[in-house]
Each structure stands twice: as C-alpha cells, then as structure tokens.
Amino acid sequence: MSLHPAPRERHESELSLAELRGAGARMAPHWVAPAAPESAPVSPALINGVVVPAASARLIAATAEYGG
C-alpha cells in the first residue's frame, strides 16, 4: 500500500479558490436577502423554566448596563 496518494487530475468542473471567489462576487448582487422582521419583545411572564446561578445573577445585577 502506498503512503502517497496519486496526483489528482483537475476536472473541468473544479474551480480554484480565486475562481470560486470571483464567481461568488459576480453573483452576489443577484442574491438580495429580504429584510429580517424585527422581533417583538417578550413579556417576562412568558419566560419560565430558566435557571440562573446566583453568582451569575449577582454579576449581571452589578453591571451598570443591566442592573445597577
């Protein structure tokens, strides 16, 4: 059994990375993504079953952006 694989022939359908990137850049304008709808805020009453360790809750509560 040989330890070195035989060299592969390049098939016409195989592209180099540069060719693939170029093809993608040319096609990108045709692939316009629709605007994502904004999600509505969820009422805290609907959130249940979430368990947060006390140390994590204290850390977030002490952060000015979130708690205090």
C-alpha atoms as a PDB file:
ATOM      1  CA  MET A   1       0.000   0.000   0.000  1.00  0.00           C
ATOM      2  CA  SER A   2       1.337   3.406  -0.999  1.00  0.00           C
ATOM      3  CA  LEU A   3       1.634   6.148   1.599  1.00  0.00           C
ATOM      4  CA  HIS A   4       1.372   8.892  -1.014  1.00  0.00           C
ATOM      5  CA  PRO A   5      -1.874   9.354  -2.918  1.00  0.00           C
ATOM      6  CA  ALA A   6      -1.706   9.598  -6.663  1.00  0.00           C
ATOM      7  CA  PRO A   7      -1.965  13.162  -8.008  1.00  0.00           C
ATOM      8  CA  ARG A   8      -5.493  14.132  -8.945  1.00  0.00           C
ATOM      9  CA  GLU A   9      -6.342  15.376 -12.358  1.00  0.00           C
ATOM     10  CA  ARG A  10      -8.165  18.668 -12.402  1.00  0.00           C
ATOM     11  CA  HIS A  11     -11.625  18.223 -13.816  1.00  0.00           C
ATOM     12  CA  GLU A  12     -13.270  20.967 -15.802  1.00  0.00           C
ATOM     13  CA  SER A  13     -15.962  21.401 -13.129  1.00  0.00           C
ATOM     14  CA  GLU A  14     -13.424  22.030 -10.340  1.00  0.00           C
ATOM     15  CA  LEU A  15     -12.615  25.658  -9.590  1.00  0.00           C
ATOM     16  CA  SER A  16      -9.669  27.207  -7.815  1.00  0.00           C
ATOM     17  CA  LEU A  17     -10.397  29.282  -4.737  1.00  0.00           C
ATOM     18  CA  ALA A  18      -9.761  32.502  -6.673  1.00  0.00           C
ATOM     19  CA  GLU A  19     -12.163  31.421  -9.430  1.00  0.00           C
ATOM     20  CA  LEU A  20     -14.782  30.472  -6.866  1.00  0.00           C
ATOM     21  CA  ARG A  21     -14.457  33.807  -5.040  1.00  0.00           C
ATOM     22  CA  GLY A  22     -14.721  35.684  -8.339  1.00  0.00           C
ATOM     23  CA  ALA A  23     -17.826  33.761  -9.341  1.00  0.00           C
ATOM     24  CA  GLY A  24     -19.379  34.456  -5.940  1.00  0.00           C
ATOM     25  CA  ALA A  25     -18.590  38.180  -6.222  1.00  0.00           C
ATOM     26  CA  ARG A  26     -20.227  38.341  -9.645  1.00  0.00           C
ATOM     27  CA  MET A  27     -23.354  36.550  -8.404  1.00  0.00           C
ATOM     28  CA  ALA A  28     -23.694  38.387  -5.079  1.00  0.00           C
ATOM     29  CA  PRO A  29     -25.789  41.270  -6.475  1.00  0.00           C
ATOM     30  CA  HIS A  30     -28.364  38.729  -7.669  1.00  0.00           C
ATOM     31  CA  TRP A  31     -28.822  37.307  -4.156  1.00  0.00           C
ATOM     32  CA  VAL A  32     -30.554  40.073  -2.290  1.00  0.00           C
ATOM     33  CA  ALA A  33     -31.611  38.980   1.172  1.00  0.00           C
ATOM     34  CA  PRO A  34     -35.005  40.199   2.363  1.00  0.00           C
ATOM     35  CA  ALA A  35     -35.016  42.480   5.386  1.00  0.00           C
ATOM     36  CA  ALA A  36     -35.391  40.490   8.574  1.00  0.00           C
ATOM     37  CA  PRO A  37     -38.535  41.341  10.515  1.00  0.00           C
ATOM     38  CA  GLU A  38     -37.847  42.795  13.937  1.00  0.00           C
ATOM     39  CA  SER A  39     -38.891  40.543  16.762  1.00  0.00           C
ATOM     40  CA  ALA A  40     -41.267  41.909  19.353  1.00  0.00           C
ATOM     41  CA  PRO A  41     -40.175  41.996  22.998  1.00  0.00           C
ATOM     42  CA  VAL A  42     -41.299  39.043  25.074  1.00  0.00           C
ATOM     43  CA  SER A  43     -43.226  39.608  28.264  1.00  0.00           C
ATOM     44  CA  PRO A  44     -41.303  38.372  31.328  1.00  0.00           C
ATOM     45  CA  ALA A  45     -44.458  36.489  32.326  1.00  0.00           C
ATOM     46  CA  LEU A  46     -43.993  34.244  29.278  1.00  0.00           C
ATOM     47  CA  ILE A  47     -40.430  33.298  30.225  1.00  0.00           C
ATOM     48  CA  ASN A  48     -40.400  30.326  32.561  1.00  0.00           C
ATOM     49  CA  GLY A  49     -38.147  27.423  33.375  1.00  0.00           C
ATOM     50  CA  VAL A  50     -34.923  29.421  33.130  1.00  0.00           C
ATOM     51  CA  VAL A  51     -32.487  28.781  35.976  1.00  0.00           C
ATOM     52  CA  VAL A  52     -29.646  31.234  36.518  1.00  0.00           C
ATOM     53  CA  PRO A  53     -26.910  30.571  39.091  1.00  0.00           C
ATOM     54  CA  ALA A  54     -26.908  33.141  41.917  1.00  0.00           C
ATOM     55  CA  ALA A  55     -23.337  34.232  41.119  1.00  0.00           C
ATOM     56  CA  SER A  56     -24.308  34.982  37.511  1.00  0.00           C
ATOM     57  CA  ALA A  57     -27.378  36.914  38.599  1.00  0.00           C
ATOM     58  CA  ARG A  58     -25.249  38.993  41.001  1.00  0.00           C
ATOM     59  CA  LEU A  59     -22.702  39.670  38.258  1.00  0.00           C
ATOM     60  CA  ILE A  60     -25.371  40.911  35.840  1.00  0.00           C
ATOM     61  CA  ALA A  61     -27.133  42.915  38.568  1.00  0.00           C
ATOM     62  CA  ALA A  62     -23.833  44.671  39.332  1.00  0.00           C
ATOM     63  CA  THR A  63     -23.300  45.602  35.671  1.00  0.00           C
ATOM     64  CA  ALA A  64     -24.374  49.180  35.049  1.00  0.00           C
ATOM     65  CA  GLU A  65     -25.890  48.408  31.645  1.00  0.00           C
ATOM     66  CA  TYR A  66     -28.230  45.761  33.039  1.00  0.00           C
ATOM     67  CA  GLY A  67     -28.853  46.181  36.734  1.00  0.00           C
ATOM     68  CA  GLY A  68     -27.227  48.812  38.773  1.00  0.00           C
END
